[in-house]
C-alpha cells in the first residue's frame, strides 16, 4: 500500500483565507480517520526555510504520495520544484490541494475527497 503524508501550509497563520479554519482539527481528523500515514504543518512552505523543511523531511523518505493542502496546486508545483529536486523526491508524487477560504469542515472534505480519489 502507498505511504501517504499530508502537510498543511497555512500562509503564516495570519492570512485571512485561513481564518475560518481550525487547522489542528483538520489534521486530527485526517489522523483519526487514517487518511494518511502522517500529518504535518508548516507556516510558509514557499519560503527559504520551507525548501529546507522539504529537503530534510523528504530526503530518503519512504513517501509515495505527498499531499500539500494550502494554496493553488499550480503555484505549489512551481514553488516546490527546486526543493523536491534537492531532496530527490519525485515531483509526480506531490499532490496539491487548495483549501484557501474554506472553514474546517470544507477544508477537511476537500482534502478527504482528493486523497480518496488520488487527485
N, C-alpha and C. Protein backbone atom coordinates (compact mmCIF):
# COMPACT_ATOMS: atom_id res chain seq x y z
N UNK A 1 0.84 -1.18 0.00
CA UNK A 1 0.00 0.00 0.00
C UNK A 1 0.89 1.25 0.00
N UNK A 2 0.46 2.27 -0.71
CA UNK A 2 1.23 3.50 -0.83
C UNK A 2 1.31 4.23 0.52
N UNK A 3 2.49 4.73 0.82
CA UNK A 3 2.68 5.57 2.02
C UNK A 3 2.27 6.99 1.66
N UNK A 4 1.40 7.58 2.50
CA UNK A 4 0.87 8.91 2.22
C UNK A 4 1.15 9.85 3.39
N UNK A 5 1.55 11.07 3.04
CA UNK A 5 1.74 12.12 4.02
C UNK A 5 0.89 13.32 3.66
N UNK A 6 0.50 14.08 4.68
CA UNK A 6 -0.30 15.29 4.48
C UNK A 6 0.37 16.45 5.21
N UNK A 7 0.70 17.49 4.46
CA UNK A 7 1.22 18.72 5.04
C UNK A 7 0.20 19.83 4.83
N UNK A 8 -0.01 20.63 5.88
CA UNK A 8 -0.82 21.83 5.73
C UNK A 8 0.13 23.02 5.73
N UNK A 9 -0.02 23.86 4.74
CA UNK A 9 0.74 25.12 4.68
C UNK A 9 -0.28 26.22 4.91
N UNK A 10 -0.06 27.03 5.93
CA UNK A 10 -1.10 27.95 6.37
C UNK A 10 -0.77 29.43 6.16
N UNK A 11 0.16 29.71 5.26
CA UNK A 11 0.42 31.10 4.87
C UNK A 11 0.62 32.00 6.10
N UNK A 12 1.57 31.62 6.92
CA UNK A 12 1.94 32.33 8.15
C UNK A 12 0.91 32.25 9.27
N UNK A 13 -0.24 31.68 8.99
CA UNK A 13 -1.29 31.60 10.00
C UNK A 13 -2.04 32.90 10.18
N UNK A 14 -1.66 33.92 9.43
CA UNK A 14 -2.29 35.22 9.56
C UNK A 14 -3.09 35.63 8.33
N UNK A 15 -3.00 34.85 7.28
CA UNK A 15 -3.70 35.17 6.04
C UNK A 15 -5.21 35.03 6.26
N UNK A 16 -5.98 36.02 5.83
CA UNK A 16 -7.44 35.95 6.01
C UNK A 16 -8.07 34.70 5.40
N UNK A 17 -7.44 34.11 4.40
CA UNK A 17 -8.05 32.95 3.74
C UNK A 17 -8.01 31.68 4.59
N UNK A 18 -7.36 31.74 5.76
CA UNK A 18 -7.31 30.58 6.65
C UNK A 18 -7.99 30.86 7.99
N UNK A 19 -8.62 31.99 8.15
CA UNK A 19 -9.16 32.40 9.45
C UNK A 19 -10.40 31.61 9.89
N UNK A 20 -11.14 31.03 8.97
CA UNK A 20 -12.35 30.28 9.33
C UNK A 20 -12.06 28.81 9.61
N UNK A 21 -10.79 28.44 9.58
CA UNK A 21 -10.40 27.03 9.66
C UNK A 21 -9.63 26.74 10.94
N UNK A 22 -10.01 25.65 11.60
CA UNK A 22 -9.23 25.13 12.73
C UNK A 22 -8.26 24.11 12.14
N UNK A 23 -7.04 24.55 11.87
CA UNK A 23 -6.08 23.70 11.16
C UNK A 23 -5.74 22.44 11.94
N UNK A 24 -5.74 22.53 13.25
CA UNK A 24 -5.42 21.36 14.05
C UNK A 24 -6.54 20.32 13.99
N UNK A 25 -7.76 20.76 13.92
CA UNK A 25 -8.88 19.83 13.77
C UNK A 25 -8.82 19.14 12.40
N UNK A 26 -8.46 19.88 11.37
CA UNK A 26 -8.33 19.28 10.03
C UNK A 26 -7.30 18.16 10.08
N UNK A 27 -6.14 18.43 10.66
CA UNK A 27 -5.09 17.41 10.75
C UNK A 27 -5.51 16.24 11.64
N UNK A 28 -6.16 16.54 12.74
CA UNK A 28 -6.58 15.46 13.64
C UNK A 28 -7.62 14.56 13.00
N UNK A 29 -8.52 15.11 12.22
CA UNK A 29 -9.50 14.27 11.51
C UNK A 29 -8.78 13.35 10.53
N UNK A 30 -7.81 13.88 9.81
CA UNK A 30 -7.06 13.06 8.85
C UNK A 30 -6.33 11.93 9.56
N UNK A 31 -5.80 12.21 10.74
CA UNK A 31 -5.12 11.18 11.53
C UNK A 31 -6.10 10.14 12.04
N UNK A 32 -7.18 10.62 12.67
CA UNK A 32 -8.15 9.70 13.27
C UNK A 32 -8.79 8.79 12.23
N UNK A 33 -9.06 9.33 11.06
CA UNK A 33 -9.70 8.54 10.01
C UNK A 33 -8.69 7.77 9.16
N UNK A 34 -7.41 7.91 9.52
CA UNK A 34 -6.33 7.18 8.84
C UNK A 34 -6.32 7.40 7.33
N UNK A 35 -6.57 8.66 6.94
CA UNK A 35 -6.50 9.00 5.51
C UNK A 35 -5.07 8.92 5.01
N UNK A 36 -4.12 9.22 5.91
CA UNK A 36 -2.70 9.26 5.57
C UNK A 36 -1.90 8.58 6.68
N UNK A 37 -0.63 8.34 6.39
CA UNK A 37 0.23 7.71 7.39
C UNK A 37 0.78 8.71 8.40
N UNK A 38 0.90 9.98 7.97
CA UNK A 38 1.39 11.02 8.88
C UNK A 38 0.91 12.39 8.42
N UNK A 39 0.90 13.33 9.35
CA UNK A 39 0.50 14.70 9.06
C UNK A 39 1.56 15.66 9.58
N UNK A 40 1.57 16.85 9.02
CA UNK A 40 2.49 17.89 9.46
C UNK A 40 1.94 19.26 9.09
N UNK A 41 2.58 20.28 9.63
CA UNK A 41 2.15 21.66 9.35
C UNK A 41 3.40 22.53 9.21
N UNK A 42 3.30 23.52 8.36
CA UNK A 42 4.38 24.49 8.18
C UNK A 42 3.72 25.83 7.91
N UNK A 43 4.28 26.91 8.45
CA UNK A 43 3.64 28.20 8.27
C UNK A 43 3.81 28.81 6.88
N UNK A 44 4.85 28.42 6.13
CA UNK A 44 5.04 29.04 4.81
C UNK A 44 6.05 28.21 4.01
N UNK A 45 5.57 27.16 3.37
CA UNK A 45 6.44 26.26 2.63
C UNK A 45 7.13 26.93 1.44
N UNK A 46 6.60 28.03 0.95
CA UNK A 46 7.21 28.72 -0.18
C UNK A 46 8.39 29.59 0.23
N UNK A 47 8.72 29.65 1.50
CA UNK A 47 9.86 30.44 1.97
C UNK A 47 11.14 29.61 1.89
N UNK A 48 12.28 30.27 2.12
CA UNK A 48 13.56 29.55 2.07
C UNK A 48 13.62 28.41 3.08
N UNK A 49 13.09 28.65 4.28
CA UNK A 49 13.12 27.56 5.26
C UNK A 49 12.12 26.46 4.90
N UNK A 50 11.14 26.77 4.07
CA UNK A 50 10.25 25.75 3.56
C UNK A 50 11.00 24.79 2.65
N UNK A 51 11.90 25.32 1.83
CA UNK A 51 12.75 24.47 1.00
C UNK A 51 13.59 23.54 1.87
N UNK A 52 14.14 24.09 2.92
CA UNK A 52 14.97 23.28 3.84
C UNK A 52 14.11 22.22 4.55
N UNK A 53 12.90 22.60 4.92
CA UNK A 53 11.97 21.67 5.55
C UNK A 53 11.70 20.48 4.62
N UNK A 54 11.35 20.78 3.37
CA UNK A 54 11.11 19.72 2.39
C UNK A 54 12.34 18.83 2.24
N UNK A 55 13.50 19.46 2.11
CA UNK A 55 14.74 18.70 1.90
C UNK A 55 14.98 17.76 3.08
N UNK A 56 14.83 18.26 4.28
CA UNK A 56 15.06 17.46 5.48
C UNK A 56 14.01 16.35 5.61
N UNK A 57 12.76 16.70 5.37
CA UNK A 57 11.66 15.75 5.53
C UNK A 57 11.69 14.64 4.48
N UNK A 58 12.02 14.98 3.25
CA UNK A 58 11.83 14.06 2.14
C UNK A 58 13.08 13.34 1.66
N UNK A 59 14.24 13.81 2.04
CA UNK A 59 15.46 13.18 1.57
C UNK A 59 15.54 11.74 2.07
N UNK A 60 15.44 10.80 1.16
CA UNK A 60 15.49 9.39 1.53
C UNK A 60 14.23 8.88 2.21
N UNK A 61 13.17 9.67 2.17
CA UNK A 61 11.93 9.29 2.86
C UNK A 61 11.16 8.22 2.09
N UNK A 62 10.41 7.44 2.83
CA UNK A 62 9.55 6.41 2.26
C UNK A 62 8.14 7.00 2.12
N UNK A 63 7.97 7.88 1.12
CA UNK A 63 6.69 8.56 0.90
C UNK A 63 6.33 8.40 -0.57
N UNK A 64 5.20 7.76 -0.82
CA UNK A 64 4.75 7.56 -2.19
C UNK A 64 3.88 8.71 -2.68
N UNK A 65 3.11 9.29 -1.78
CA UNK A 65 2.22 10.39 -2.14
C UNK A 65 2.29 11.45 -1.04
N UNK A 66 2.66 12.67 -1.44
CA UNK A 66 2.71 13.79 -0.51
C UNK A 66 1.63 14.78 -0.89
N UNK A 67 0.63 14.91 -0.02
CA UNK A 67 -0.44 15.86 -0.22
C UNK A 67 -0.10 17.13 0.53
N UNK A 68 -0.14 18.26 -0.18
CA UNK A 68 0.10 19.56 0.45
C UNK A 68 -1.17 20.37 0.29
N UNK A 69 -1.83 20.62 1.41
CA UNK A 69 -3.06 21.41 1.42
C UNK A 69 -2.69 22.84 1.78
N UNK A 70 -3.02 23.75 0.90
CA UNK A 70 -2.68 25.15 1.11
C UNK A 70 -3.20 25.98 -0.03
N UNK A 71 -2.28 26.58 -0.78
CA UNK A 71 -2.66 27.46 -1.89
C UNK A 71 -2.88 26.67 -3.17
N UNK A 72 -3.01 27.38 -4.26
CA UNK A 72 -3.28 26.81 -5.57
C UNK A 72 -2.28 25.73 -5.96
N UNK A 73 -2.74 24.55 -6.38
CA UNK A 73 -1.84 23.46 -6.75
C UNK A 73 -0.84 23.82 -7.85
N UNK A 74 -1.25 24.66 -8.81
CA UNK A 74 -0.31 25.07 -9.86
C UNK A 74 0.82 25.91 -9.28
N UNK A 75 0.50 26.80 -8.35
CA UNK A 75 1.54 27.58 -7.68
C UNK A 75 2.46 26.67 -6.88
N UNK A 76 1.88 25.68 -6.21
CA UNK A 76 2.69 24.75 -5.43
C UNK A 76 3.70 24.03 -6.32
N UNK A 77 3.25 23.54 -7.47
CA UNK A 77 4.16 22.82 -8.36
C UNK A 77 5.36 23.67 -8.73
N UNK A 78 5.12 24.94 -9.01
CA UNK A 78 6.20 25.85 -9.38
C UNK A 78 7.10 26.18 -8.20
N UNK A 79 6.49 26.48 -7.06
CA UNK A 79 7.26 26.92 -5.89
C UNK A 79 8.08 25.80 -5.26
N UNK A 80 7.60 24.56 -5.31
CA UNK A 80 8.27 23.47 -4.61
C UNK A 80 9.21 22.67 -5.51
N UNK A 81 9.22 22.97 -6.80
CA UNK A 81 10.01 22.21 -7.77
C UNK A 81 11.48 22.04 -7.33
N UNK A 82 12.14 23.14 -7.00
CA UNK A 82 13.56 23.07 -6.63
C UNK A 82 13.77 22.30 -5.33
N UNK A 83 12.88 22.48 -4.37
CA UNK A 83 13.01 21.78 -3.09
C UNK A 83 12.88 20.27 -3.29
N UNK A 84 11.93 19.86 -4.10
CA UNK A 84 11.77 18.43 -4.37
C UNK A 84 12.99 17.88 -5.09
N UNK A 85 13.52 18.65 -6.01
CA UNK A 85 14.71 18.21 -6.74
C UNK A 85 15.90 18.05 -5.77
N UNK A 86 16.09 19.02 -4.87
CA UNK A 86 17.18 18.93 -3.88
C UNK A 86 17.02 17.71 -2.98
N UNK A 87 15.79 17.34 -2.67
CA UNK A 87 15.53 16.20 -1.79
C UNK A 87 15.55 14.88 -2.54
N UNK A 88 15.57 14.94 -3.87
CA UNK A 88 15.49 13.71 -4.65
C UNK A 88 14.10 13.10 -4.59
N UNK A 89 13.09 13.94 -4.38
CA UNK A 89 11.71 13.47 -4.28
C UNK A 89 11.02 13.67 -5.62
N UNK A 90 10.41 12.64 -6.18
CA UNK A 90 9.75 12.77 -7.49
C UNK A 90 8.59 13.77 -7.43
N UNK A 91 8.65 14.77 -8.29
CA UNK A 91 7.60 15.79 -8.31
C UNK A 91 6.22 15.20 -8.58
N UNK A 92 6.19 14.09 -9.30
CA UNK A 92 4.91 13.45 -9.62
C UNK A 92 4.24 12.87 -8.37
N UNK A 93 4.99 12.73 -7.27
CA UNK A 93 4.42 12.21 -6.02
C UNK A 93 3.76 13.31 -5.18
N UNK A 94 3.90 14.56 -5.61
CA UNK A 94 3.29 15.69 -4.91
C UNK A 94 1.89 15.91 -5.46
N UNK A 95 0.94 16.05 -4.53
CA UNK A 95 -0.46 16.31 -4.88
C UNK A 95 -0.91 17.57 -4.15
N UNK A 96 -1.10 18.65 -4.87
CA UNK A 96 -1.52 19.90 -4.26
C UNK A 96 -3.03 19.98 -4.11
N UNK A 97 -3.46 20.52 -2.98
CA UNK A 97 -4.89 20.67 -2.69
C UNK A 97 -5.13 22.10 -2.21
N UNK A 98 -6.00 22.81 -2.87
CA UNK A 98 -6.30 24.18 -2.43
C UNK A 98 -7.37 24.16 -1.35
N UNK A 99 -7.05 24.83 -0.23
CA UNK A 99 -8.01 24.90 0.88
C UNK A 99 -8.25 26.35 1.34
N UNK A 100 -7.78 27.31 0.56
CA UNK A 100 -7.98 28.71 0.95
C UNK A 100 -9.47 29.04 0.99
N UNK A 101 -9.82 29.92 1.93
CA UNK A 101 -11.18 30.45 2.09
C UNK A 101 -12.22 29.40 2.44
N UNK A 102 -11.78 28.29 3.03
CA UNK A 102 -12.72 27.27 3.48
C UNK A 102 -12.75 27.25 5.01
N UNK A 103 -13.86 26.76 5.56
CA UNK A 103 -13.90 26.55 7.01
C UNK A 103 -13.36 25.14 7.29
N UNK A 104 -13.37 24.75 8.55
CA UNK A 104 -12.79 23.47 8.96
C UNK A 104 -13.42 22.30 8.21
N UNK A 105 -14.74 22.24 8.20
CA UNK A 105 -15.43 21.13 7.53
C UNK A 105 -15.17 21.13 6.02
N UNK A 106 -15.20 22.30 5.42
CA UNK A 106 -14.96 22.39 3.99
C UNK A 106 -13.55 21.96 3.62
N UNK A 107 -12.56 22.39 4.39
CA UNK A 107 -11.17 22.02 4.12
C UNK A 107 -10.99 20.52 4.26
N UNK A 108 -11.54 19.96 5.33
CA UNK A 108 -11.38 18.53 5.53
C UNK A 108 -12.06 17.73 4.42
N UNK A 109 -13.23 18.16 4.00
CA UNK A 109 -13.95 17.46 2.94
C UNK A 109 -13.14 17.46 1.64
N UNK A 110 -12.58 18.60 1.27
CA UNK A 110 -11.79 18.70 0.05
C UNK A 110 -10.54 17.82 0.15
N UNK A 111 -9.88 17.85 1.28
CA UNK A 111 -8.69 17.02 1.48
C UNK A 111 -9.06 15.53 1.37
N UNK A 112 -10.11 15.14 2.07
CA UNK A 112 -10.52 13.74 2.06
C UNK A 112 -10.86 13.26 0.66
N UNK A 113 -11.64 14.06 -0.06
CA UNK A 113 -12.02 13.69 -1.42
C UNK A 113 -10.80 13.54 -2.33
N UNK A 114 -9.85 14.45 -2.20
CA UNK A 114 -8.65 14.39 -3.04
C UNK A 114 -7.79 13.17 -2.70
N UNK A 115 -7.67 12.86 -1.44
CA UNK A 115 -6.86 11.70 -1.04
C UNK A 115 -7.55 10.40 -1.46
N UNK A 116 -8.85 10.33 -1.26
CA UNK A 116 -9.57 9.10 -1.61
C UNK A 116 -9.58 8.84 -3.11
N UNK A 117 -9.57 9.90 -3.91
CA UNK A 117 -9.56 9.72 -5.36
C UNK A 117 -8.15 9.75 -5.94
N UNK A 118 -7.17 10.10 -5.11
CA UNK A 118 -5.79 10.18 -5.59
C UNK A 118 -5.55 11.35 -6.52
N UNK A 119 -6.41 12.33 -6.44
CA UNK A 119 -6.44 13.54 -7.30
C UNK A 119 -6.47 13.11 -8.71
